[in-house]
């Protein structure tokens, strides 16, 4: 199975979310790092979709930027996640467009 088929047939974003959720429940002290890692994985998967012919989604860029910001300044986690969720919701609802 090549990467394009893997991206099409497996819910990688969903698996990453489940793993992140379990990690946070098992070790709440690593919340910042787990959230940052999840966002970076989500963004990387989005870039892989782009490399294999799909359009790049704004959420991909938001996730990568948010993941890096949380790694650099873990104390701004709630602000970064809040802004990420608002922007993602606005783009998903079609209120904002690029």
PDB file of N, CA and C in Angstrom:
ATOM      1  N   UNK A   1       0.848  -1.173   0.000  1.00  0.00           N
ATOM      2  CA  UNK A   1       0.000   0.000   0.000  1.00  0.00           C
ATOM      3  C   UNK A   1       0.897   1.241   0.000  1.00  0.00           C
ATOM      4  N   UNK A   2       0.693   2.127  -0.953  1.00  0.00           N
ATOM      5  CA  UNK A   2       1.500   3.336  -1.001  1.00  0.00           C
ATOM      6  C   UNK A   2       0.871   4.427  -0.132  1.00  0.00           C
ATOM      7  N   UNK A   3       1.560   5.556  -0.023  1.00  0.00           N
ATOM      8  CA  UNK A   3       1.117   6.616   0.879  1.00  0.00           C
ATOM      9  C   UNK A   3      -0.221   7.201   0.445  1.00  0.00           C
ATOM     10  N   UNK A   4      -0.430   7.366  -0.859  1.00  0.00           N
ATOM     11  CA  UNK A   4      -1.696   7.920  -1.337  1.00  0.00           C
ATOM     12  C   UNK A   4      -2.869   7.039  -0.924  1.00  0.00           C
ATOM     13  N   UNK A   5      -2.723   5.741  -1.041  1.00  0.00           N
ATOM     14  CA  UNK A   5      -3.800   4.831  -0.623  1.00  0.00           C
ATOM     15  C   UNK A   5      -3.978   4.856   0.890  1.00  0.00           C
ATOM     16  N   UNK A   6      -2.879   4.925   1.623  1.00  0.00           N
ATOM     17  CA  UNK A   6      -2.945   4.995   3.076  1.00  0.00           C
ATOM     18  C   UNK A   6      -3.710   6.236   3.512  1.00  0.00           C
ATOM     19  N   UNK A   7      -3.425   7.376   2.885  1.00  0.00           N
ATOM     20  CA  UNK A   7      -4.115   8.610   3.226  1.00  0.00           C
ATOM     21  C   UNK A   7      -5.600   8.533   2.892  1.00  0.00           C
ATOM     22  N   UNK A   8      -5.928   7.798   1.848  1.00  0.00           N
ATOM     23  CA  UNK A   8      -7.319   7.698   1.417  1.00  0.00           C
ATOM     24  C   UNK A   8      -8.134   6.715   2.264  1.00  0.00           C
ATOM     25  N   UNK A   9      -7.535   5.618   2.674  1.00  0.00           N
ATOM     26  CA  UNK A   9      -8.283   4.534   3.321  1.00  0.00           C
ATOM     27  C   UNK A   9      -8.217   4.522   4.850  1.00  0.00           C
ATOM     28  N   UNK A  10      -7.239   5.162   5.438  1.00  0.00           N
ATOM     29  CA  UNK A  10      -7.103   5.126   6.890  1.00  0.00           C
ATOM     30  C   UNK A  10      -7.420   6.501   7.462  1.00  0.00           C
ATOM     31  N   UNK A  11      -8.165   6.569   8.531  1.00  0.00           N
ATOM     32  CA  UNK A  11      -8.492   7.861   9.160  1.00  0.00           C
ATOM     33  C   UNK A  11      -7.343   8.317  10.072  1.00  0.00           C
ATOM     34  N   UNK A  12      -6.235   8.750   9.471  1.00  0.00           N
ATOM     35  CA  UNK A  12      -5.044   9.077  10.241  1.00  0.00           C
ATOM     36  C   UNK A  12      -5.280  10.208  11.240  1.00  0.00           C
ATOM     37  N   UNK A  13      -6.056  11.211  10.849  1.00  0.00           N
ATOM     38  CA  UNK A  13      -6.340  12.310  11.776  1.00  0.00           C
ATOM     39  C   UNK A  13      -7.101  11.796  13.002  1.00  0.00           C
ATOM     40  N   UNK A  14      -8.049  10.900  12.763  1.00  0.00           N
ATOM     41  CA  UNK A  14      -8.824  10.335  13.867  1.00  0.00           C
ATOM     42  C   UNK A  14      -7.945   9.491  14.791  1.00  0.00           C
ATOM     43  N   UNK A  15      -7.059   8.707  14.202  1.00  0.00           N
ATOM     44  CA  UNK A  15      -6.137   7.899  15.021  1.00  0.00           C
ATOM     45  C   UNK A  15      -5.222   8.791  15.853  1.00  0.00           C
ATOM     46  N   UNK A  16      -4.730   9.882  15.252  1.00  0.00           N
ATOM     47  CA  UNK A  16      -3.873  10.816  15.994  1.00  0.00           C
ATOM     48  C   UNK A  16      -4.642  11.443  17.151  1.00  0.00           C
ATOM     49  N   UNK A  17      -5.898  11.788  16.936  1.00  0.00           N
ATOM     50  CA  UNK A  17      -6.716  12.370  18.000  1.00  0.00           C
ATOM     51  C   UNK A  17      -6.936  11.387  19.142  1.00  0.00           C
ATOM     52  N   UNK A  18      -7.187  10.132  18.814  1.00  0.00           N
ATOM     53  CA  UNK A  18      -7.399   9.113  19.853  1.00  0.00           C
ATOM     54  C   UNK A  18      -6.124   8.897  20.666  1.00  0.00           C
ATOM     55  N   UNK A  19      -5.001   8.779  19.989  1.00  0.00           N
ATOM     56  CA  UNK A  19      -3.722   8.595  20.686  1.00  0.00           C
ATOM     57  C   UNK A  19      -3.433   9.790  21.587  1.00  0.00           C
ATOM     58  N   UNK A  20      -3.666  11.008  21.084  1.00  0.00           N
ATOM     59  CA  UNK A  20      -3.432  12.210  21.894  1.00  0.00           C
ATOM     60  C   UNK A  20      -4.351  12.226  23.116  1.00  0.00           C
ATOM     61  N   UNK A  21      -5.612  11.884  22.924  1.00  0.00           N
ATOM     62  CA  UNK A  21      -6.554  11.858  24.045  1.00  0.00           C
ATOM     63  C   UNK A  21      -6.156  10.867  25.117  1.00  0.00           C
ATOM     64  N   UNK A  22      -5.756   9.677  24.705  1.00  0.00           N
ATOM     65  CA  UNK A  22      -5.320   8.654  25.669  1.00  0.00           C
ATOM     66  C   UNK A  22      -4.060   9.113  26.396  1.00  0.00           C
ATOM     67  N   UNK A  23      -3.111   9.699  25.667  1.00  0.00           N
ATOM     68  CA  UNK A  23      -1.869  10.173  26.292  1.00  0.00           C
ATOM     69  C   UNK A  23      -2.160  11.251  27.334  1.00  0.00           C
ATOM     70  N   UNK A  24      -3.085  12.155  27.033  1.00  0.00           N
ATOM     71  CA  UNK A  24      -3.436  13.211  27.990  1.00  0.00           C
ATOM     72  C   UNK A  24      -4.106  12.618  29.220  1.00  0.00           C
ATOM     73  N   UNK A  25      -4.975  11.636  29.035  1.00  0.00           N
ATOM     74  CA  UNK A  25      -5.626  11.008  30.190  1.00  0.00           C
ATOM     75  C   UNK A  25      -4.630  10.244  31.058  1.00  0.00           C
ATOM     76  N   UNK A  26      -3.636   9.620  30.443  1.00  0.00           N
ATOM     77  CA  UNK A  26      -2.643   8.851  31.192  1.00  0.00           C
ATOM     78  C   UNK A  26      -1.604   9.730  31.871  1.00  0.00           C
ATOM     79  N   UNK A  27      -1.271  10.853  31.247  1.00  0.00           N
ATOM     80  CA  UNK A  27      -0.236  11.741  31.792  1.00  0.00           C
ATOM     81  C   UNK A  27      -0.635  13.194  31.565  1.00  0.00           C
ATOM     82  N   UNK A  28      -1.527  13.730  32.397  1.00  0.00           N
ATOM     83  CA  UNK A  28      -2.021  15.095  32.193  1.00  0.00           C
ATOM     84  C   UNK A  28      -0.928  16.171  32.223  1.00  0.00           C
ATOM     85  N   UNK A  29       0.183  15.894  32.853  1.00  0.00           N
ATOM     86  CA  UNK A  29       1.259  16.888  32.937  1.00  0.00           C
ATOM     87  C   UNK A  29       1.913  17.179  31.590  1.00  0.00           C
ATOM     88  N   UNK A  30       1.726  16.306  30.634  1.00  0.00           N
ATOM     89  CA  UNK A  30       2.341  16.514  29.322  1.00  0.00           C
ATOM     90  C   UNK A  30       1.339  17.079  28.310  1.00  0.00           C
ATOM     91  N   UNK A  31       0.275  17.690  28.812  1.00  0.00           N
ATOM     92  CA  UNK A  31      -0.785  18.213  27.956  1.00  0.00           C
ATOM     93  C   UNK A  31      -0.236  19.109  26.841  1.00  0.00           C
ATOM     94  N   UNK A  32       0.612  20.077  27.191  1.00  0.00           N
ATOM     95  CA  UNK A  32       1.134  21.002  26.180  1.00  0.00           C
ATOM     96  C   UNK A  32       1.859  20.264  25.071  1.00  0.00           C
ATOM     97  N   UNK A  33       2.688  19.320  25.439  1.00  0.00           N
ATOM     98  CA  UNK A  33       3.486  18.613  24.438  1.00  0.00           C
ATOM     99  C   UNK A  33       2.627  17.690  23.584  1.00  0.00           C
ATOM    100  N   UNK A  34       1.630  17.066  24.195  1.00  0.00           N
ATOM    101  CA  UNK A  34       0.746  16.185  23.433  1.00  0.00           C
ATOM    102  C   UNK A  34      -0.085  17.002  22.442  1.00  0.00           C
ATOM    103  N   UNK A  35      -0.603  18.133  22.888  1.00  0.00           N
ATOM    104  CA  UNK A  35      -1.376  18.994  21.985  1.00  0.00           C
ATOM    105  C   UNK A  35      -0.488  19.494  20.848  1.00  0.00           C
ATOM    106  N   UNK A  36       0.729  19.936  21.167  1.00  0.00           N
ATOM    107  CA  UNK A  36       1.648  20.406  20.133  1.00  0.00           C
ATOM    108  C   UNK A  36       1.964  19.290  19.144  1.00  0.00           C
ATOM    109  N   UNK A  37       2.235  18.098  19.661  1.00  0.00           N
ATOM    110  CA  UNK A  37       2.546  16.964  18.779  1.00  0.00           C
ATOM    111  C   UNK A  37       1.343  16.613  17.909  1.00  0.00           C
ATOM    112  N   UNK A  38       0.147  16.612  18.491  1.00  0.00           N
ATOM    113  CA  UNK A  38      -1.057  16.314  17.713  1.00  0.00           C
ATOM    114  C   UNK A  38      -1.226  17.326  16.581  1.00  0.00           C
ATOM    115  N   UNK A  39      -1.070  18.606  16.887  1.00  0.00           N
ATOM    116  CA  UNK A  39      -1.240  19.625  15.853  1.00  0.00           C
ATOM    117  C   UNK A  39      -0.191  19.485  14.756  1.00  0.00           C
ATOM    118  N   UNK A  40       1.036  19.156  15.136  1.00  0.00           N
ATOM    119  CA  UNK A  40       2.084  18.963  14.131  1.00  0.00           C
ATOM    120  C   UNK A  40       1.805  17.729  13.272  1.00  0.00           C
ATOM    121  N   UNK A  41       1.318  16.663  13.879  1.00  0.00           N
ATOM    122  CA  UNK A  41       0.952  15.462  13.111  1.00  0.00           C
ATOM    123  C   UNK A  41      -0.210  15.771  12.177  1.00  0.00           C
ATOM    124  N   UNK A  42      -1.220  16.470  12.687  1.00  0.00           N
ATOM    125  CA  UNK A  42      -2.379  16.841  11.876  1.00  0.00           C
ATOM    126  C   UNK A  42      -1.940  17.705  10.683  1.00  0.00           C
ATOM    127  N   UNK A  43      -1.065  18.670  10.939  1.00  0.00           N
ATOM    128  CA  UNK A  43      -0.561  19.513   9.859  1.00  0.00           C
ATOM    129  C   UNK A  43       0.271  18.745   8.857  1.00  0.00           C
ATOM    130  N   UNK A  44       1.087  17.829   9.346  1.00  0.00           N
ATOM    131  CA  UNK A  44       1.915  17.015   8.450  1.00  0.00           C
ATOM    132  C   UNK A  44       1.051  16.119   7.567  1.00  0.00           C
ATOM    133  N   UNK A  45       0.011  15.539   8.129  1.00  0.00           N
ATOM    134  CA  UNK A  45      -0.902  14.717   7.330  1.00  0.00           C
ATOM    135  C   UNK A  45      -1.571  15.583   6.259  1.00  0.00           C
ATOM    136  N   UNK A  46      -1.939  16.805   6.630  1.00  0.00           N
ATOM    137  CA  UNK A  46      -2.506  17.724   5.652  1.00  0.00           C
ATOM    138  C   UNK A  46      -1.539  18.038   4.530  1.00  0.00           C
ATOM    139  N   UNK A  47      -0.252  18.204   4.867  1.00  0.00           N
ATOM    140  CA  UNK A  47       0.757  18.439   3.832  1.00  0.00           C
ATOM    141  C   UNK A  47       0.932  17.221   2.929  1.00  0.00           C
ATOM    142  N   UNK A  48       0.830  16.033   3.507  1.00  0.00           N
ATOM    143  CA  UNK A  48       0.914  14.818   2.693  1.00  0.00           C
ATOM    144  C   UNK A  48      -0.255  14.738   1.712  1.00  0.00           C
ATOM    145  N   UNK A  49      -1.439  15.103   2.177  1.00  0.00           N
ATOM    146  CA  UNK A  49      -2.592  15.143   1.272  1.00  0.00           C
ATOM    147  C   UNK A  49      -2.311  16.106   0.115  1.00  0.00           C
ATOM    148  N   UNK A  50      -1.736  17.262   0.444  1.00  0.00           N
ATOM    149  CA  UNK A  50      -1.414  18.258  -0.574  1.00  0.00           C
ATOM    150  C   UNK A  50      -0.394  17.717  -1.570  1.00  0.00           C
ATOM    151  N   UNK A  51       0.605  17.014  -1.067  1.00  0.00           N
ATOM    152  CA  UNK A  51       1.649  16.464  -1.938  1.00  0.00           C
ATOM    153  C   UNK A  51       1.093  15.402  -2.884  1.00  0.00           C
ATOM    154  N   UNK A  52      -0.013  14.778  -2.500  1.00  0.00           N
ATOM    155  CA  UNK A  52      -0.603  13.741  -3.338  1.00  0.00           C
ATOM    156  C   UNK A  52      -1.846  14.229  -4.066  1.00  0.00           C
ATOM    157  N   UNK A  53      -1.887  15.519  -4.372  1.00  0.00           N
ATOM    158  CA  UNK A  53      -2.864  16.035  -5.306  1.00  0.00           C
ATOM    159  C   UNK A  53      -4.095  16.722  -4.764  1.00  0.00           C
ATOM    160  N   UNK A  54      -4.275  16.764  -3.464  1.00  0.00           N
ATOM    161  CA  UNK A  54      -5.444  17.452  -2.930  1.00  0.00           C
ATOM    162  C   UNK A  54      -5.097  18.910  -2.642  1.00  0.00           C
ATOM    163  N   UNK A  55      -6.106  19.736  -2.548  1.00  0.00           N
ATOM    164  CA  UNK A  55      -5.882  21.142  -2.225  1.00  0.00           C
ATOM    165  C   UNK A  55      -5.437  21.272  -0.770  1.00  0.00           C
ATOM    166  N   UNK A  56      -4.591  22.252  -0.517  1.00  0.00           N
ATOM    167  CA  UNK A  56      -4.159  22.482   0.861  1.00  0.00           C
ATOM    168  C   UNK A  56      -5.274  23.210   1.601  1.00  0.00           C
ATOM    169  N   UNK A  57      -5.555  22.759   2.794  1.00  0.00           N
ATOM    170  CA  UNK A  57      -6.606  23.353   3.608  1.00  0.00           C
ATOM    171  C   UNK A  57      -5.991  24.355   4.580  1.00  0.00           C
ATOM    172  N   UNK A  58      -6.684  25.438   4.877  1.00  0.00           N
ATOM    173  CA  UNK A  58      -6.160  26.411   5.846  1.00  0.00           C
ATOM    174  C   UNK A  58      -5.884  25.773   7.210  1.00  0.00           C
ATOM    175  N   UNK A  59      -6.694  24.774   7.583  1.00  0.00           N
ATOM    176  CA  UNK A  59      -6.513  24.112   8.868  1.00  0.00           C
ATOM    177  C   UNK A  59      -5.138  23.468   8.983  1.00  0.00           C
ATOM    178  N   UNK A  60      -4.582  23.028   7.861  1.00  0.00           N
ATOM    179  CA  UNK A  60      -3.248  22.439   7.862  1.00  0.00           C
ATOM    180  C   UNK A  60      -2.217  23.456   8.321  1.00  0.00           C
ATOM    181  N   UNK A  61      -2.289  24.637   7.737  1.00  0.00           N
ATOM    182  CA  UNK A  61      -1.343  25.696   8.101  1.00  0.00           C
ATOM    183  C   UNK A  61      -1.569  26.136   9.538  1.00  0.00           C
ATOM    184  N   UNK A  62      -2.843  26.310   9.950  1.00  0.00           N
ATOM    185  CA  UNK A  62      -3.143  26.697  11.330  1.00  0.00           C
ATOM    186  C   UNK A  62      -2.570  25.692  12.312  1.00  0.00           C
ATOM    187  N   UNK A  63      -2.726  24.405  12.016  1.00  0.00           N
ATOM    188  CA  UNK A  63      -2.248  23.352  12.917  1.00  0.00           C
ATOM    189  C   UNK A  63      -0.735  23.395  13.048  1.00  0.00           C
ATOM    190  N   UNK A  64      -0.036  23.553  11.943  1.00  0.00           N
ATOM    191  CA  UNK A  64       1.428  23.600  11.998  1.00  0.00           C
ATOM    192  C   UNK A  64       1.915  24.815  12.793  1.00  0.00           C
ATOM    193  N   UNK A  65       1.329  25.977  12.534  1.00  0.00           N
ATOM    194  CA  UNK A  65       1.728  27.190  13.256  1.00  0.00           C
ATOM    195  C   UNK A  65       1.403  27.052  14.744  1.00  0.00           C
ATOM    196  N   UNK A  66       0.206  26.565  15.063  1.00  0.00           N
ATOM    197  CA  UNK A  66      -0.189  26.408  16.466  1.00  0.00           C
ATOM    198  C   UNK A  66       0.715  25.407  17.183  1.00  0.00           C
ATOM    199  N   UNK A  67       1.044  24.304  16.534  1.00  0.00           N
ATOM    200  CA  UNK A  67       1.929  23.313  17.150  1.00  0.00           C
ATOM    201  C   UNK A  67       3.301  23.880  17.468  1.00  0.00           C
ATOM    202  N   UNK A  68       3.856  24.638  16.549  1.00  0.00           N
ATOM    203  CA  UNK A  68       5.169  25.246  16.776  1.00  0.00           C
ATOM    204  C   UNK A  68       5.088  26.291  17.888  1.00  0.00           C
ATOM    205  N   UNK A  69       4.041  27.125  17.881  1.00  0.00           N
ATOM    206  CA  UNK A  69       3.893  28.137  18.935  1.00  0.00           C
ATOM    207  C   UNK A  69       3.787  27.509  20.316  1.00  0.00           C
ATOM    208  N   UNK A  70       3.055  26.409  20.424  1.00  0.00           N
ATOM    209  CA  UNK A  70       2.900  25.747  21.728  1.00  0.00           C
ATOM    210  C   UNK A  70       4.222  25.140  22.179  1.00  0.00           C
ATOM    211  N   UNK A  71       5.003  24.603  21.246  1.00  0.00           N
ATOM    212  CA  UNK A  71       6.315  24.074  21.627  1.00  0.00           C
ATOM    213  C   UNK A  71       7.249  25.179  22.101  1.00  0.00           C
ATOM    214  N   UNK A  72       7.170  26.342  21.456  1.00  0.00           N
ATOM    215  CA  UNK A  72       8.057  27.454  21.812  1.00  0.00           C
ATOM    216  C   UNK A  72       7.632  28.099  23.126  1.00  0.00           C
ATOM    217  N   UNK A  73       6.325  28.357  23.298  1.00  0.00           N
ATOM    218  CA  UNK A  73       5.796  29.017  24.499  1.00  0.00           C
ATOM    219  C   UNK A  73       4.636  28.201  25.058  1.00  0.00           C
ATOM    220  N   UNK A  74       4.906  27.148  25.827  1.00  0.00           N
ATOM    221  CA  UNK A  74       3.836  26.285  26.339  1.00  0.00           C
ATOM    222  C   UNK A  74       2.794  27.001  27.196  1.00  0.00           C
ATOM    223  N   UNK A  75       3.154  28.128  27.804  1.00  0.00           N
ATOM    224  CA  UNK A  75       2.207  28.822  28.684  1.00  0.00           C
ATOM    225  C   UNK A  75       1.098  29.549  27.931  1.00  0.00           C
ATOM    226  N   UNK A  76       1.172  29.627  26.604  1.00  0.00           N
ATOM    227  CA  UNK A  76       0.094  30.260  25.830  1.00  0.00           C
ATOM    228  C   UNK A  76      -0.828  29.216  25.191  1.00  0.00           C
ATOM    229  N   UNK A  77      -0.795  27.999  25.702  1.00  0.00           N
ATOM    230  CA  UNK A  77      -1.578  26.900  25.132  1.00  0.00           C
ATOM    231  C   UNK A  77      -3.048  27.265  24.943  1.00  0.00           C
ATOM    232  N   UNK A  78      -3.698  27.778  25.976  1.00  0.00           N
ATOM    233  CA  UNK A  78      -5.134  28.028  25.872  1.00  0.00           C
ATOM    234  C   UNK A  78      -5.442  29.090  24.818  1.00  0.00           C
ATOM    235  N   UNK A  79      -4.607  30.111  24.694  1.00  0.00           N
ATOM    236  CA  UNK A  79      -4.841  31.137  23.687  1.00  0.00           C
ATOM    237  C   UNK A  79      -4.654  30.590  22.276  1.00  0.00           C
ATOM    238  N   UNK A  80      -3.584  29.834  22.092  1.00  0.00           N
ATOM    239  CA  UNK A  80      -3.309  29.283  20.764  1.00  0.00           C
ATOM    240  C   UNK A  80      -4.397  28.301  20.349  1.00  0.00           C
ATOM    241  N   UNK A  81      -4.794  27.426  21.251  1.00  0.00           N
ATOM    242  CA  UNK A  81      -5.845  26.451  20.927  1.00  0.00           C
ATOM    243  C   UNK A  81      -7.168  27.165  20.679  1.00  0.00           C
ATOM    244  N   UNK A  82      -7.482  28.174  21.475  1.00  0.00           N
ATOM    245  CA  UNK A  82      -8.716  28.927  21.273  1.00  0.00           C
ATOM    246  C   UNK A  82      -8.760  29.599  19.903  1.00  0.00           C
ATOM    247  N   UNK A  83      -7.678  30.266  19.532  1.00  0.00           N
ATOM    248  CA  UNK A  83      -7.619  30.922  18.225  1.00  0.00           C
ATOM    249  C   UNK A  83      -7.660  29.896  17.108  1.00  0.00           C
ATOM    250  N   UNK A  84      -6.942  28.781  17.273  1.00  0.00           N
ATOM    251  CA  UNK A  84      -6.956  27.707  16.271  1.00  0.00           C
ATOM    252  C   UNK A  84      -8.375  27.188  16.049  1.00  0.00           C
ATOM    253  N   UNK A  85      -9.096  26.928  17.123  1.00  0.00           N
ATOM    254  CA  UNK A  85     -10.456  26.389  17.003  1.00  0.00           C
ATOM    255  C   UNK A  85     -11.409  27.396  16.368  1.00  0.00           C
ATOM    256  N   UNK A  86     -11.291  28.661  16.734  1.00  0.00           N
ATOM    257  CA  UNK A  86     -12.146  29.693  16.130  1.00  0.00           C
ATOM    258  C   UNK A  86     -11.881  29.792  14.632  1.00  0.00           C
ATOM    259  N   UNK A  87     -10.612  29.880  14.238  1.00  0.00           N
ATOM    260  CA  UNK A  87     -10.283  29.982  12.808  1.00  0.00           C
ATOM    261  C   UNK A  87     -10.734  28.746  12.039  1.00  0.00           C
ATOM    262  N   UNK A  88     -10.497  27.571  12.606  1.00  0.00           N
ATOM    263  CA  UNK A  88     -10.913  26.334  11.945  1.00  0.00           C
ATOM    264  C   UNK A  88     -12.433  26.303  11.784  1.00  0.00           C
ATOM    265  N   UNK A  89     -13.158  26.696  12.805  1.00  0.00           N
ATOM    266  CA  UNK A  89     -14.617  26.723  12.722  1.00  0.00           C
ATOM    267  C   UNK A  89     -15.114  27.709  11.674  1.00  0.00           C
ATOM    268  N   UNK A  90     -14.497  28.871  11.615  1.00  0.00           N
ATOM    269  CA  UNK A  90     -14.909  29.873  10.625  1.00  0.00           C
ATOM    270  C   UNK A  90     -14.644  29.399   9.197  1.00  0.00           C
ATOM    271  N   UNK A  91     -13.516  28.727   8.976  1.00  0.00           N
ATOM    272  CA  UNK A  91     -13.233  28.201   7.646  1.00  0.00           C
ATOM    273  C   UNK A  91     -14.133  27.021   7.307  1.00  0.00           C
ATOM    274  N   UNK A  92     -14.372  26.137   8.273  1.00  0.00           N
ATOM    275  CA  UNK A  92     -15.258  24.990   8.026  1.00  0.00           C
ATOM    276  C   UNK A  92     -16.694  25.446   7.736  1.00  0.00           C
ATOM    277  N   UNK A  93     -17.122  26.517   8.384  1.00  0.00           N
ATOM    278  CA  UNK A  93     -18.471  27.033   8.170  1.00  0.00           C
ATOM    279  C   UNK A  93     -18.577  27.845   6.875  1.00  0.00           C
ATOM    280  N   UNK A  94     -17.451  28.177   6.284  1.00  0.00           N
ATOM    281  CA  UNK A  94     -17.463  28.947   5.040  1.00  0.00           C
ATOM    282  C   UNK A  94     -17.551  30.439   5.262  1.00  0.00           C
ATOM    283  N   UNK A  95     -17.447  30.891   6.501  1.00  0.00           N
ATOM    284  CA  UNK A  95     -17.514  32.317   6.803  1.00  0.00           C
ATOM    285  C   UNK A  95     -16.238  33.014   6.345  1.00  0.00           C
ATOM    286  N   UNK A  96     -15.097  32.372   6.558  1.00  0.00           N
ATOM    287  CA  UNK A  96     -13.810  32.877   6.061  1.00  0.00           C
ATOM    288  C   UNK A  96     -13.349  32.021   4.907  1.00  0.00           C
ATOM    289  N   UNK A  97     -12.718  32.658   3.943  1.00  0.00           N
ATOM    290  CA  UNK A  97     -12.179  31.932   2.776  1.00  0.00           C
ATOM    291  C   UNK A  97     -10.836  32.513   2.413  1.00  0.00           C
ATOM    292  N   UNK A  98      -9.997  31.687   1.844  1.00  0.00           N
ATOM    293  CA  UNK A  98      -8.715  32.164   1.326  1.00  0.00           C
ATOM    294  C   UNK A  98      -8.778  32.300  -0.171  1.00  0.00           C
TER     295      UNK A  98
END
